[in-house]
Amino acid sequence: MMDTNVLISGLRSRRGPYSIHDRARLLSKRDSVSINQFVATAVAEKISAMETENYLAQRARRASRKKFEAALAQIPDREPDEHDRY
């Protein structure tokens, strides 16, 4: 059985398949960055997405339907300006 541990420019991926390494190498070349930079950016994007999800969940728990409807009631009942229609 082939060992699927892959050394990625100093980073060691535990049990990562070669196909992921090959794809990361291809995409990092396309972006003209090192694999390390590509992986670091991917991890940062994932962290950001998860943190955003947590933030929005916290905000949703503080939400008030009554306050939302009060805010909507302040919007004039008219057609939007021409530049806002499309």
N, C-alpha and C. Protein backbone atom coordinates (compact mmCIF):
# COMPACT_ATOMS: atom_id res chain seq x y z
N MET A 1 0.84 -1.18 0.00
CA MET A 1 0.00 0.00 0.00
C MET A 1 0.88 1.24 0.00
N MET A 2 0.51 2.21 -0.80
CA MET A 2 1.31 3.42 -0.95
C MET A 2 1.02 4.39 0.20
N ASP A 3 2.10 4.96 0.78
CA ASP A 3 1.95 5.95 1.84
C ASP A 3 1.45 7.24 1.19
N THR A 4 0.33 7.76 1.70
CA THR A 4 -0.24 8.96 1.09
C THR A 4 0.15 10.23 1.83
N ASN A 5 1.09 10.14 2.79
CA ASN A 5 1.60 11.36 3.40
C ASN A 5 2.33 12.14 2.31
N VAL A 6 2.07 13.42 2.23
CA VAL A 6 2.64 14.24 1.17
C VAL A 6 3.37 15.42 1.80
N LEU A 7 4.61 15.63 1.37
CA LEU A 7 5.35 16.79 1.82
C LEU A 7 5.05 17.93 0.87
N ILE A 8 4.49 19.00 1.39
CA ILE A 8 4.11 20.15 0.57
C ILE A 8 4.99 21.32 0.97
N SER A 9 6.08 21.50 0.29
CA SER A 9 6.98 22.62 0.53
C SER A 9 7.17 22.92 2.01
N GLY A 10 7.51 21.92 2.78
CA GLY A 10 7.76 22.11 4.20
C GLY A 10 6.57 21.83 5.08
N LEU A 11 5.36 21.79 4.52
CA LEU A 11 4.18 21.43 5.30
C LEU A 11 3.90 19.95 5.09
N ARG A 12 3.60 19.25 6.14
CA ARG A 12 3.32 17.83 6.00
C ARG A 12 1.82 17.61 6.16
N SER A 13 1.22 17.06 5.15
CA SER A 13 -0.20 16.77 5.18
C SER A 13 -0.39 15.34 5.68
N ARG A 14 -1.14 15.16 6.73
CA ARG A 14 -1.36 13.82 7.26
C ARG A 14 -2.37 13.07 6.41
N ARG A 15 -1.91 11.98 5.87
CA ARG A 15 -2.77 11.08 5.10
C ARG A 15 -3.52 11.79 3.97
N GLY A 16 -2.91 12.81 3.42
CA GLY A 16 -3.53 13.50 2.31
C GLY A 16 -3.27 12.78 1.01
N PRO A 17 -4.28 12.60 0.19
CA PRO A 17 -4.08 11.91 -1.08
C PRO A 17 -3.25 12.73 -2.06
N TYR A 18 -2.52 12.01 -2.90
CA TYR A 18 -1.70 12.68 -3.91
C TYR A 18 -2.55 13.53 -4.84
N SER A 19 -3.78 13.13 -5.07
CA SER A 19 -4.63 13.89 -5.99
C SER A 19 -4.86 15.32 -5.47
N ILE A 20 -4.99 15.48 -4.15
CA ILE A 20 -5.17 16.82 -3.59
C ILE A 20 -3.90 17.64 -3.75
N HIS A 21 -2.75 16.99 -3.50
CA HIS A 21 -1.47 17.68 -3.68
C HIS A 21 -1.31 18.12 -5.13
N ASP A 22 -1.61 17.22 -6.07
CA ASP A 22 -1.48 17.55 -7.49
C ASP A 22 -2.39 18.72 -7.87
N ARG A 23 -3.61 18.71 -7.36
CA ARG A 23 -4.55 19.78 -7.68
C ARG A 23 -4.09 21.11 -7.06
N ALA A 24 -3.60 21.05 -5.82
CA ALA A 24 -3.09 22.25 -5.16
C ALA A 24 -1.90 22.81 -5.92
N ARG A 25 -1.02 21.93 -6.38
CA ARG A 25 0.15 22.38 -7.15
C ARG A 25 -0.31 23.07 -8.44
N LEU A 26 -1.25 22.47 -9.15
CA LEU A 26 -1.75 23.04 -10.40
C LEU A 26 -2.40 24.40 -10.16
N LEU A 27 -3.26 24.49 -9.15
CA LEU A 27 -3.97 25.74 -8.90
C LEU A 27 -3.04 26.83 -8.36
N SER A 28 -2.05 26.43 -7.56
CA SER A 28 -1.11 27.44 -7.06
C SER A 28 -0.27 28.01 -8.20
N LYS A 29 0.10 27.15 -9.15
CA LYS A 29 0.83 27.65 -10.32
C LYS A 29 -0.03 28.62 -11.11
N ARG A 30 -1.31 28.29 -11.26
CA ARG A 30 -2.22 29.16 -12.01
C ARG A 30 -2.31 30.53 -11.34
N ASP A 31 -2.27 30.56 -10.00
CA ASP A 31 -2.32 31.82 -9.26
C ASP A 31 -0.95 32.46 -9.07
N SER A 32 0.09 31.79 -9.56
CA SER A 32 1.47 32.27 -9.44
C SER A 32 1.88 32.47 -7.98
N VAL A 33 1.52 31.50 -7.14
CA VAL A 33 1.90 31.52 -5.73
C VAL A 33 2.46 30.15 -5.37
N SER A 34 3.18 30.10 -4.26
CA SER A 34 3.69 28.82 -3.79
C SER A 34 2.54 27.97 -3.26
N ILE A 35 2.80 26.67 -3.15
CA ILE A 35 1.78 25.80 -2.57
C ILE A 35 1.51 26.21 -1.13
N ASN A 36 2.56 26.57 -0.40
CA ASN A 36 2.37 27.03 0.98
C ASN A 36 1.42 28.23 1.02
N GLN A 37 1.63 29.20 0.16
CA GLN A 37 0.77 30.39 0.13
C GLN A 37 -0.65 29.99 -0.26
N PHE A 38 -0.77 29.09 -1.22
CA PHE A 38 -2.08 28.63 -1.66
C PHE A 38 -2.84 27.96 -0.52
N VAL A 39 -2.14 27.06 0.21
CA VAL A 39 -2.76 26.35 1.33
C VAL A 39 -3.11 27.33 2.45
N ALA A 40 -2.21 28.24 2.76
CA ALA A 40 -2.46 29.22 3.81
C ALA A 40 -3.68 30.08 3.46
N THR A 41 -3.81 30.48 2.22
CA THR A 41 -4.94 31.28 1.78
C THR A 41 -6.23 30.46 1.86
N ALA A 42 -6.17 29.21 1.45
CA ALA A 42 -7.36 28.35 1.52
C ALA A 42 -7.82 28.17 2.96
N VAL A 43 -6.88 27.97 3.86
CA VAL A 43 -7.22 27.82 5.28
C VAL A 43 -7.81 29.12 5.81
N ALA A 44 -7.22 30.25 5.45
CA ALA A 44 -7.73 31.55 5.89
C ALA A 44 -9.15 31.78 5.38
N GLU A 45 -9.42 31.40 4.13
CA GLU A 45 -10.76 31.56 3.58
C GLU A 45 -11.76 30.68 4.33
N LYS A 46 -11.38 29.47 4.66
CA LYS A 46 -12.26 28.56 5.39
C LYS A 46 -12.54 29.11 6.79
N ILE A 47 -11.50 29.59 7.46
CA ILE A 47 -11.68 30.18 8.79
C ILE A 47 -12.62 31.37 8.70
N SER A 48 -12.42 32.21 7.72
CA SER A 48 -13.27 33.39 7.55
C SER A 48 -14.73 32.99 7.33
N ALA A 49 -14.97 31.99 6.51
CA ALA A 49 -16.33 31.52 6.25
C ALA A 49 -16.98 30.99 7.53
N MET A 50 -16.22 30.23 8.29
CA MET A 50 -16.77 29.67 9.53
C MET A 50 -17.02 30.75 10.57
N GLU A 51 -16.12 31.70 10.68
CA GLU A 51 -16.31 32.80 11.62
C GLU A 51 -17.50 33.67 11.22
N THR A 52 -17.68 33.88 9.93
CA THR A 52 -18.82 34.65 9.45
C THR A 52 -20.12 33.93 9.79
N GLU A 53 -20.13 32.64 9.61
CA GLU A 53 -21.31 31.84 9.95
C GLU A 53 -21.63 31.97 11.44
N ASN A 54 -20.60 31.90 12.28
CA ASN A 54 -20.80 32.06 13.72
C ASN A 54 -21.34 33.45 14.06
N TYR A 55 -20.75 34.47 13.44
CA TYR A 55 -21.18 35.85 13.68
C TYR A 55 -22.65 36.04 13.30
N LEU A 56 -23.02 35.54 12.12
CA LEU A 56 -24.40 35.70 11.66
C LEU A 56 -25.37 34.93 12.55
N ALA A 57 -24.96 33.77 13.05
CA ALA A 57 -25.82 33.01 13.96
C ALA A 57 -26.03 33.79 15.26
N GLN A 58 -24.97 34.42 15.76
CA GLN A 58 -25.10 35.23 16.97
C GLN A 58 -26.04 36.41 16.74
N ARG A 59 -25.87 37.06 15.59
CA ARG A 59 -26.75 38.20 15.26
C ARG A 59 -28.19 37.75 15.13
N ALA A 60 -28.41 36.59 14.53
CA ALA A 60 -29.77 36.07 14.35
C ALA A 60 -30.44 35.82 15.69
N ARG A 61 -29.67 35.35 16.67
CA ARG A 61 -30.24 35.11 18.00
C ARG A 61 -30.70 36.41 18.67
N ARG A 62 -30.09 37.52 18.29
CA ARG A 62 -30.46 38.82 18.86
C ARG A 62 -31.60 39.49 18.08
N ALA A 63 -31.99 38.89 16.97
CA ALA A 63 -32.97 39.51 16.08
C ALA A 63 -34.34 39.62 16.75
N SER A 64 -35.07 40.61 16.30
CA SER A 64 -36.43 40.83 16.80
C SER A 64 -37.35 41.05 15.61
N ARG A 65 -38.33 40.19 15.46
CA ARG A 65 -39.28 40.33 14.36
C ARG A 65 -40.01 41.68 14.47
N LYS A 66 -40.33 42.07 15.69
CA LYS A 66 -41.04 43.33 15.91
C LYS A 66 -40.21 44.52 15.42
N LYS A 67 -38.91 44.55 15.75
CA LYS A 67 -38.04 45.64 15.30
C LYS A 67 -37.86 45.61 13.78
N PHE A 68 -37.78 44.41 13.20
CA PHE A 68 -37.65 44.27 11.76
C PHE A 68 -38.88 44.86 11.05
N GLU A 69 -40.06 44.49 11.53
CA GLU A 69 -41.28 45.00 10.92
C GLU A 69 -41.42 46.51 11.12
N ALA A 70 -40.96 47.01 12.25
CA ALA A 70 -40.99 48.47 12.48
C ALA A 70 -40.08 49.18 11.49
N ALA A 71 -38.92 48.62 11.21
CA ALA A 71 -37.99 49.22 10.24
C ALA A 71 -38.60 49.19 8.84
N LEU A 72 -39.23 48.07 8.48
CA LEU A 72 -39.87 47.98 7.16
C LEU A 72 -41.01 48.97 7.01
N ALA A 73 -41.72 49.22 8.10
CA ALA A 73 -42.85 50.15 8.06
C ALA A 73 -42.41 51.57 7.75
N GLN A 74 -41.14 51.88 7.96
CA GLN A 74 -40.63 53.24 7.70
C GLN A 74 -40.30 53.46 6.23
N ILE A 75 -40.30 52.41 5.43
CA ILE A 75 -39.97 52.53 4.01
C ILE A 75 -41.20 53.04 3.26
N PRO A 76 -41.05 54.10 2.47
CA PRO A 76 -42.21 54.64 1.73
C PRO A 76 -42.77 53.60 0.76
N ASP A 77 -44.09 53.59 0.63
CA ASP A 77 -44.76 52.67 -0.29
C ASP A 77 -44.87 53.34 -1.66
N ARG A 78 -43.80 53.25 -2.43
CA ARG A 78 -43.77 53.85 -3.77
C ARG A 78 -42.83 53.03 -4.66
N GLU A 79 -42.92 53.25 -5.93
CA GLU A 79 -42.05 52.58 -6.88
C GLU A 79 -40.61 53.04 -6.66
N PRO A 80 -39.63 52.17 -6.89
CA PRO A 80 -38.23 52.57 -6.74
C PRO A 80 -37.82 53.56 -7.82
N ASP A 81 -36.79 54.36 -7.54
CA ASP A 81 -36.24 55.27 -8.54
C ASP A 81 -35.80 54.46 -9.75
N GLU A 82 -35.74 55.11 -10.90
CA GLU A 82 -35.39 54.44 -12.15
C GLU A 82 -34.08 53.65 -12.03
N HIS A 83 -33.04 54.25 -11.44
CA HIS A 83 -31.75 53.60 -11.36
C HIS A 83 -31.71 52.41 -10.38
N ASP A 84 -32.76 52.26 -9.57
CA ASP A 84 -32.83 51.16 -8.61
C ASP A 84 -33.73 50.01 -9.08
N ARG A 85 -34.26 50.10 -10.28
CA ARG A 85 -35.22 49.10 -10.73
C ARG A 85 -34.57 47.85 -11.29
N TYR A 86 -33.36 47.93 -11.76
CA TYR A 86 -32.77 46.75 -12.42
C TYR A 86 -31.48 46.38 -11.81
